[in-house]
Protein backbone atom coordinates (compact mmCIF):
# COMPACT_ATOMS: atom_id res chain seq x y z
CA UNK A 1 0.00 0.00 0.00
CA UNK A 2 1.33 3.44 -0.99
CA UNK A 3 2.22 5.80 1.83
CA UNK A 4 2.15 8.86 -0.46
CA UNK A 5 -0.54 11.22 0.81
CA UNK A 6 -3.41 11.98 -1.53
CA UNK A 7 -2.73 15.34 -3.18
CA UNK A 8 -6.39 16.38 -2.87
CA UNK A 9 -8.38 15.66 0.27
CA UNK A 10 -12.18 15.50 0.04
CA UNK A 11 -14.44 15.59 3.06
CA UNK A 12 -18.18 16.08 3.49
CA UNK A 13 -19.11 17.78 6.76
CA UNK A 14 -22.77 18.51 7.20
CA UNK A 15 -23.96 20.09 3.99
CA UNK A 16 -20.56 21.42 2.93
CA UNK A 17 -18.02 19.64 0.74
CA UNK A 18 -14.41 20.47 1.62
CA UNK A 19 -11.62 20.13 -0.93
CA UNK A 20 -8.04 20.63 0.25
CA UNK A 21 -5.03 20.92 -2.05
CA UNK A 22 -2.61 18.73 -0.14
CA UNK A 23 0.94 19.46 -1.28
CA UNK A 24 1.98 21.99 1.36
CA UNK A 25 5.72 21.37 0.87
CA UNK A 26 5.25 22.41 -2.78
CA UNK A 27 2.96 25.31 -1.87
CA UNK A 28 0.07 23.20 -3.17
CA UNK A 29 1.19 23.58 -6.80
CA UNK A 30 -1.17 21.77 -9.14
CA UNK A 31 -0.40 18.53 -10.93
CA UNK A 32 -2.52 16.81 -13.57
CA UNK A 33 -3.64 14.27 -10.96
CA UNK A 34 -4.85 17.08 -8.69
CA UNK A 35 -6.76 18.72 -11.53
CA UNK A 36 -8.48 15.43 -12.32
CA UNK A 37 -9.30 14.69 -8.68
CA UNK A 38 -10.82 18.14 -8.21
CA UNK A 39 -12.97 17.82 -11.33
CA UNK A 40 -14.21 14.36 -10.40
CA UNK A 41 -15.17 15.36 -6.87
CA UNK A 42 -16.88 18.57 -7.95
CA UNK A 43 -18.93 16.64 -10.48
CA UNK A 44 -20.03 14.16 -7.81
CA UNK A 45 -21.06 16.89 -5.39
CA UNK A 46 -22.87 18.78 -8.15
CA UNK A 47 -25.23 15.80 -8.40
CA UNK A 48 -25.66 15.35 -4.63
CA UNK A 49 -28.68 17.33 -3.35
CA UNK A 50 -27.41 17.14 0.24
CA UNK A 51 -24.31 19.20 -0.68
CA UNK A 52 -25.21 22.89 -0.52
CA UNK A 53 -21.77 24.41 -1.12
CA UNK A 54 -18.08 23.59 -1.60
CA UNK A 55 -15.02 25.03 0.17
CA UNK A 56 -11.69 24.96 -1.66
CA UNK A 57 -8.51 25.55 0.37
CA UNK A 58 -4.82 24.73 0.53
CA UNK A 59 -3.09 22.67 3.21
CA UNK A 60 -0.76 24.54 5.55
CA UNK A 61 -0.57 28.24 6.31
CA UNK A 62 1.76 29.34 3.52
CA UNK A 63 -0.29 28.96 0.36
CA UNK A 64 -3.67 28.34 -1.15
CA UNK A 65 -1.94 27.37 -4.40
CA UNK A 66 1.27 28.72 -5.94
CA UNK A 67 0.33 27.72 -9.49
CA UNK A 68 0.93 24.73 -11.70
CA UNK A 69 3.85 22.37 -11.25
CA UNK A 70 5.78 24.05 -14.06
CA UNK A 71 9.03 22.28 -13.19
CA UNK A 72 7.40 18.92 -13.94
CA UNK A 73 6.18 20.24 -17.29
CA UNK A 74 9.68 21.51 -18.07
CA UNK A 75 11.17 18.09 -17.34
CA UNK A 76 8.46 16.36 -19.39
CA UNK A 77 9.13 18.54 -22.41
CA UNK A 78 12.90 17.98 -22.19
CA UNK A 79 12.29 14.24 -21.95
CA UNK A 80 10.41 14.28 -25.24
CA UNK A 81 6.92 14.10 -23.73
CA UNK A 82 5.84 17.37 -25.30
CA UNK A 83 2.18 16.34 -25.19
CA UNK A 84 2.10 16.41 -21.38
CA UNK A 85 2.12 20.20 -20.91
CA UNK A 86 -0.73 20.62 -23.41
CA UNK A 87 -2.73 17.88 -21.67
CA UNK A 88 -2.21 19.57 -18.33
CA UNK A 89 -3.21 23.02 -19.58
CA UNK A 90 -6.27 21.73 -21.43
CA UNK A 91 -7.62 19.85 -18.41
CA UNK A 92 -6.68 22.70 -16.04
CA UNK A 93 -8.58 25.22 -18.17
CA UNK A 94 -11.57 22.88 -18.38
CA UNK A 95 -11.59 22.64 -14.58
CA UNK A 96 -11.35 26.42 -14.22
CA UNK A 97 -14.22 26.91 -16.66
CA UNK A 98 -16.26 24.30 -14.76
CA UNK A 99 -15.72 26.22 -11.51
CA UNK A 100 -16.89 29.45 -13.17
CA UNK A 101 -20.13 27.71 -14.21
CA UNK A 102 -20.67 25.63 -11.04
CA UNK A 103 -24.30 25.71 -9.95
CA UNK A 104 -23.56 25.62 -6.21
CA UNK A 105 -21.58 28.20 -4.23
CA UNK A 106 -17.83 27.57 -4.14
CA UNK A 107 -15.86 29.34 -1.43
CA UNK A 108 -12.18 29.77 -2.32
CA UNK A 109 -10.22 30.38 0.89
CA UNK A 110 -7.29 32.37 -0.50
CA UNK A 111 -5.14 32.28 2.62
CA UNK A 112 -1.44 32.85 1.90
CA UNK A 113 0.07 32.69 -1.60
CA UNK A 114 -2.31 32.56 -4.57
CA UNK A 115 -0.45 32.58 -7.87
CA UNK A 116 -1.05 31.46 -11.44
CA UNK A 117 -3.05 28.24 -11.38
CA UNK A 118 -4.27 29.11 -7.90
CA UNK A 119 -5.81 32.26 -9.33
CA UNK A 120 -7.42 30.15 -12.02
CA UNK A 121 -9.18 28.09 -9.37
CA UNK A 122 -10.12 30.99 -7.12
CA UNK A 123 -11.29 33.60 -9.62
CA UNK A 124 -14.09 31.35 -10.83
CA UNK A 125 -15.40 30.78 -7.31
CA UNK A 126 -18.57 32.54 -6.23
CA UNK A 127 -17.00 33.64 -2.94
CA UNK A 128 -13.33 34.65 -2.99
CA UNK A 129 -12.32 34.94 0.63
CA UNK A 130 -9.05 36.64 1.56
CA UNK A 131 -7.11 36.89 4.80
CA UNK A 132 -4.53 39.50 5.79
CA UNK A 133 -1.91 36.92 4.71
CA UNK A 134 -3.12 36.73 1.10
CA UNK A 135 -0.68 37.48 -1.70
CA UNK A 136 -2.18 37.28 -5.18
CA UNK A 137 -0.51 37.46 -8.55
CA UNK A 138 -0.07 36.28 -12.11
CA UNK A 139 3.76 36.13 -12.31
CA UNK A 140 4.05 34.31 -15.61
CA UNK A 141 6.03 36.93 -17.56
CA UNK A 142 8.84 36.40 -15.04
CA UNK A 143 9.33 32.89 -16.41
CA UNK A 144 8.76 33.88 -20.02
CA UNK A 145 5.11 32.84 -20.15
CA UNK A 146 1.78 34.71 -20.24
CA UNK A 147 -1.00 34.91 -17.62
CA UNK A 148 -3.33 32.04 -18.52
CA UNK A 149 -5.94 30.03 -16.50
CA UNK A 150 -8.57 32.56 -17.57
CA UNK A 151 -6.30 35.54 -16.93
CA UNK A 152 -7.20 36.98 -20.32
CA UNK A 153 -10.77 37.16 -18.99
CA UNK A 154 -10.48 38.21 -15.35
CA UNK A 155 -7.44 40.49 -15.66
CA UNK A 156 -8.85 42.28 -18.68
CA UNK A 157 -11.99 43.16 -16.69
CA UNK A 158 -10.25 44.85 -13.76
CA UNK A 159 -10.71 48.62 -13.34
CA UNK A 160 -8.90 50.80 -15.85
CA UNK A 161 -5.52 49.38 -16.85
CA UNK A 162 -4.86 47.49 -13.61
CA UNK A 163 -5.14 44.12 -15.36
CA UNK A 164 -2.54 45.08 -17.94
CA UNK A 165 -0.26 46.39 -15.20
CA UNK A 166 -0.51 43.19 -13.15
CA UNK A 167 -0.30 40.90 -16.17
CA UNK A 168 2.68 42.58 -17.82
CA UNK A 169 4.74 43.10 -14.66
CA UNK A 170 3.67 39.94 -12.83
CA UNK A 171 3.52 41.94 -9.59
CA UNK A 172 1.84 40.46 -6.51
CA UNK A 173 -0.79 42.31 -4.49
CA UNK A 174 -2.03 42.03 -0.91
CA UNK A 175 -5.57 41.91 0.40
CA UNK A 176 -6.27 45.66 0.21
CA UNK A 177 -5.33 45.78 -3.46
CA UNK A 178 -7.16 42.53 -4.22
CA UNK A 179 -10.39 43.92 -2.79
CA UNK A 180 -9.95 47.25 -4.59
CA UNK A 181 -9.24 45.59 -7.93
CA UNK A 182 -12.07 43.08 -7.63
CA UNK A 183 -9.89 39.98 -7.24
CA UNK A 184 -11.46 39.15 -3.87
CA UNK A 185 -14.86 39.58 -2.24
CA UNK A 186 -14.36 39.49 1.53
CA UNK A 187 -11.46 39.47 3.98
CA UNK A 188 -11.40 37.58 7.27
CA UNK A 189 -8.63 37.77 9.87
CA UNK A 190 -6.65 34.53 9.98
CA UNK A 191 -7.25 34.17 13.71
CA UNK A 192 -10.98 33.81 12.93
CA UNK A 193 -10.56 30.88 10.56
CA UNK A 194 -11.62 28.49 13.35
CA UNK A 195 -14.85 30.50 13.64
CA UNK A 196 -15.31 30.12 9.90
CA UNK A 197 -14.99 26.35 10.24
CA UNK A 198 -17.60 26.31 13.02
CA UNK A 199 -19.95 28.43 10.91
CA UNK A 200 -19.57 26.11 7.93
CA UNK A 201 -20.20 23.03 10.09
CA UNK A 202 -23.42 24.50 11.47
CA UNK A 203 -24.59 26.29 8.34
CA UNK A 204 -28.32 26.95 8.35
CA UNK A 205 -29.72 27.95 4.94
CA UNK A 206 -32.64 29.61 6.70
CA UNK A 207 -30.28 32.22 8.12
CA UNK A 208 -29.27 33.61 4.74
CA UNK A 209 -26.89 32.81 1.93
CA UNK A 210 -23.44 31.44 2.57
CA UNK A 211 -21.91 34.77 1.59
CA UNK A 212 -24.19 36.69 3.94
CA UNK A 213 -23.32 34.46 6.87
CA UNK A 214 -19.57 34.62 6.18
CA UNK A 215 -19.71 38.41 5.83
CA UNK A 216 -20.40 38.62 9.57
CA UNK A 217 -16.82 37.39 10.15
CA UNK A 218 -15.23 39.74 7.62
CA UNK A 219 -13.36 42.09 9.95
CA UNK A 220 -9.94 42.76 8.36
CA UNK A 221 -8.50 46.15 9.26
CA UNK A 222 -6.54 46.76 6.08
CA UNK A 223 -4.45 49.73 4.94
CA UNK A 224 -5.50 51.82 1.97
CA UNK A 225 -5.03 50.08 -1.33
CA UNK A 226 -1.85 51.09 -3.16
CA UNK A 227 -3.60 50.43 -6.46
CA UNK A 228 -6.21 53.07 -5.64
CA UNK A 229 -3.47 55.67 -5.14
CA UNK A 230 -1.59 54.52 -8.25
CA UNK A 231 -4.61 54.16 -10.53
CA UNK A 232 -4.11 57.49 -12.38
CA UNK A 233 -0.52 56.59 -13.24
CA UNK A 234 -1.34 52.99 -14.11
CA UNK A 235 -4.16 54.10 -16.41
CA UNK A 236 -1.92 56.60 -18.19
CA UNK A 237 1.15 54.45 -18.75
CA UNK A 238 -0.42 51.04 -19.38
CA UNK A 239 -2.89 52.36 -21.93
CA UNK A 240 0.01 52.90 -24.36
CA UNK A 241 -0.14 50.91 -27.63
CA UNK A 242 2.83 48.56 -27.04
CA UNK A 243 5.40 47.59 -24.41
CA UNK A 244 8.05 49.96 -25.76
CA UNK A 245 5.57 52.85 -25.51
CA UNK A 246 4.60 51.77 -21.99
CA UNK A 247 8.26 51.78 -21.02
CA UNK A 248 8.85 55.20 -22.55
CA UNK A 249 5.79 56.58 -20.81
CA UNK A 250 6.97 55.28 -17.44
CA UNK A 251 10.41 56.76 -18.04
CA UNK A 252 8.84 60.18 -18.64
CA UNK A 253 6.92 60.18 -15.34
CA UNK A 254 7.70 63.44 -13.52
CA UNK A 255 5.00 63.61 -10.84
CA UNK A 256 6.65 63.23 -7.42
CA UNK A 257 3.91 60.98 -6.06
CA UNK A 258 4.42 58.48 -8.89
CA UNK A 259 8.10 58.76 -9.80
CA UNK A 260 9.42 56.13 -7.37
CA UNK A 261 6.73 53.64 -8.44
CA UNK A 262 7.47 54.33 -12.11
CA UNK A 263 11.18 53.67 -11.58
CA UNK A 264 10.49 50.37 -9.79
CA UNK A 265 8.11 49.36 -12.55
CA UNK A 266 10.74 50.13 -15.20
CA UNK A 267 13.24 47.94 -13.38
CA UNK A 268 10.73 45.08 -13.28
CA UNK A 269 9.85 45.39 -16.97
CA UNK A 270 13.52 45.28 -17.86
CA UNK A 271 13.84 41.84 -16.24
CA UNK A 272 10.82 40.30 -17.98
CA UNK A 273 10.69 38.49 -21.30
CA UNK A 274 9.94 41.09 -24.01
CA UNK A 275 8.10 38.47 -26.04
CA UNK A 276 5.99 37.34 -23.08
CA UNK A 277 5.07 40.91 -22.16
CA UNK A 278 4.08 41.78 -25.72
CA UNK A 279 1.95 38.67 -26.13
CA UNK A 280 0.39 39.32 -22.72
CA UNK A 281 -0.59 42.85 -23.70
CA UNK A 282 -2.09 41.71 -27.01
CA UNK A 283 -3.93 38.87 -25.28
CA UNK A 284 -5.43 41.06 -22.56
CA UNK A 285 -6.60 43.70 -25.03
CA UNK A 286 -8.29 40.97 -27.08
CA UNK A 287 -9.74 39.39 -23.96
CA UNK A 288 -11.80 42.47 -23.13
CA UNK A 289 -14.23 41.67 -25.92
CA UNK A 290 -14.20 37.86 -25.68
CA UNK A 291 -16.38 35.44 -23.75
CA UNK A 292 -14.84 33.32 -21.02
CA UNK A 293 -14.90 30.27 -23.31
CA UNK A 294 -13.17 32.21 -26.08
CA UNK A 295 -10.52 33.46 -23.63
CA UNK A 296 -9.69 29.90 -22.58
CA UNK A 297 -9.56 28.87 -26.25
CA UNK A 298 -7.17 31.75 -27.00
CA UNK A 299 -4.90 30.80 -24.09
CA UNK A 300 -4.78 27.16 -25.17
CA UNK A 301 -3.99 28.26 -28.72
CA UNK A 302 -1.07 30.34 -27.44
CA UNK A 303 0.10 27.64 -25.05
CA UNK A 304 0.29 24.99 -27.78
CA UNK A 305 3.01 27.05 -29.44
CA UNK A 306 4.78 28.44 -26.43
CA UNK A 307 7.11 25.65 -25.33
CA UNK A 308 8.62 25.57 -28.81
CA UNK A 309 8.38 29.23 -29.89
CA UNK A 310 8.19 31.12 -26.60
CA UNK A 311 10.59 31.78 -23.75
CA UNK A 312 9.23 29.53 -21.02
CA UNK A 313 11.93 26.86 -21.18
CA UNK A 314 14.65 29.46 -20.68
CA UNK A 315 12.67 31.18 -17.93
CA UNK A 316 12.13 27.98 -15.97
CA UNK A 317 15.76 27.01 -16.44
CA UNK A 318 17.01 30.33 -15.07
CA UNK A 319 14.59 30.71 -12.17
CA UNK A 320 13.69 27.16 -11.11
CA UNK A 321 16.32 24.74 -12.43
CA UNK A 322 19.77 26.34 -12.50
CA UNK A 323 18.52 29.27 -10.39
CA UNK A 324 21.09 31.65 -11.82
CA UNK A 325 18.29 34.22 -12.28
CA UNK A 326 19.92 35.31 -15.53
CA UNK A 327 17.47 34.27 -18.28
CA UNK A 328 18.66 34.79 -21.83
CA UNK A 329 15.43 35.98 -23.40
CA UNK A 330 14.80 35.74 -27.14
CA UNK A 331 14.93 38.56 -28.06
CA UNK A 332 16.85 40.03 -25.12
CA UNK A 333 15.63 43.62 -25.60
CA UNK A 334 12.32 45.26 -26.47
CA UNK A 335 13.70 47.15 -29.44
CA UNK A 336 14.68 43.82 -31.02
CA UNK A 337 11.16 42.38 -30.85
CA UNK A 338 9.49 41.98 -34.24
CA UNK A 339 5.73 42.74 -33.99
CA UNK A 340 5.13 40.08 -36.63
CA UNK A 341 6.44 37.45 -34.22
CA UNK A 342 3.87 38.54 -31.65
CA UNK A 343 1.06 38.56 -34.20
CA UNK A 344 2.01 35.08 -35.42
CA UNK A 345 1.00 33.55 -32.08
CA UNK A 346 -2.58 34.70 -32.65
CA UNK A 347 -2.80 33.52 -36.26
CA UNK A 348 -5.54 30.98 -36.79
CA UNK A 349 -7.71 32.05 -33.87
């Protein structure tokens, strides 16, 4: 008998189904097995009239989910199993879409780190619950990829140009910014999580909706959102027509209240893959006018080409394998990026 713990724990307590991503040592990063286990269990509970809602959480206190197990996909591709990354992404996107359309409330407990694939799970949930420990982000351009898992849908619908800012830079945000941007619904102090468990175990539908009952516990005393203060600058600079123009606009920032932020943002952009940033911008602009299904189809179309034609293999090598943090992007500089190469990724959509 295997002693390997199940990577997804499922438990039915009262009228609530609990799903726990159970790879805490790996920050609950998703594998194909986990995606399949989540889908199977959600489908079973969808057909069970005694299950009124589902709670999705991560094991441990560090992370809800830090994304997909990209190192495994890197190794698979190098080993000649190039079909495995596409299989993972296709089934992951199908799960994310299923969560968006789920007919029962899903509560995503976004305690700790929520990145990439974790955002894909959480952003489709009907209740996105934060704690003061939450750190959210779509950091894909840092590894030469683009923000997928529905990112072209939910990032493109954030206020103003915030989605482009977060997608292009890959910056993380805390709970204040997540609430301001619309990436979370409620915030509960981590010390009250035991009260949340008690509420879920004794849930009485006669006392209001799940969201209404949880809102009673939402007591986070959070600082003002940085994104609210920065919104005028973000909207100005990230509305520019391409990444080079965004960079030039940031470099011209003279307002004292925004100059330090603009300089930090320039430094971040200069470390990211030019190709990944350009494709991300084009994808998010397109996503504004697409349905959720079309956004997932666009992301899968891009992903099918990316391991061969994009920068992800070099990004994973530099940041996760060799860890030299010196990726050799292709091309290395924005001014060397041919717009036709960016456009080619979208051909055939």
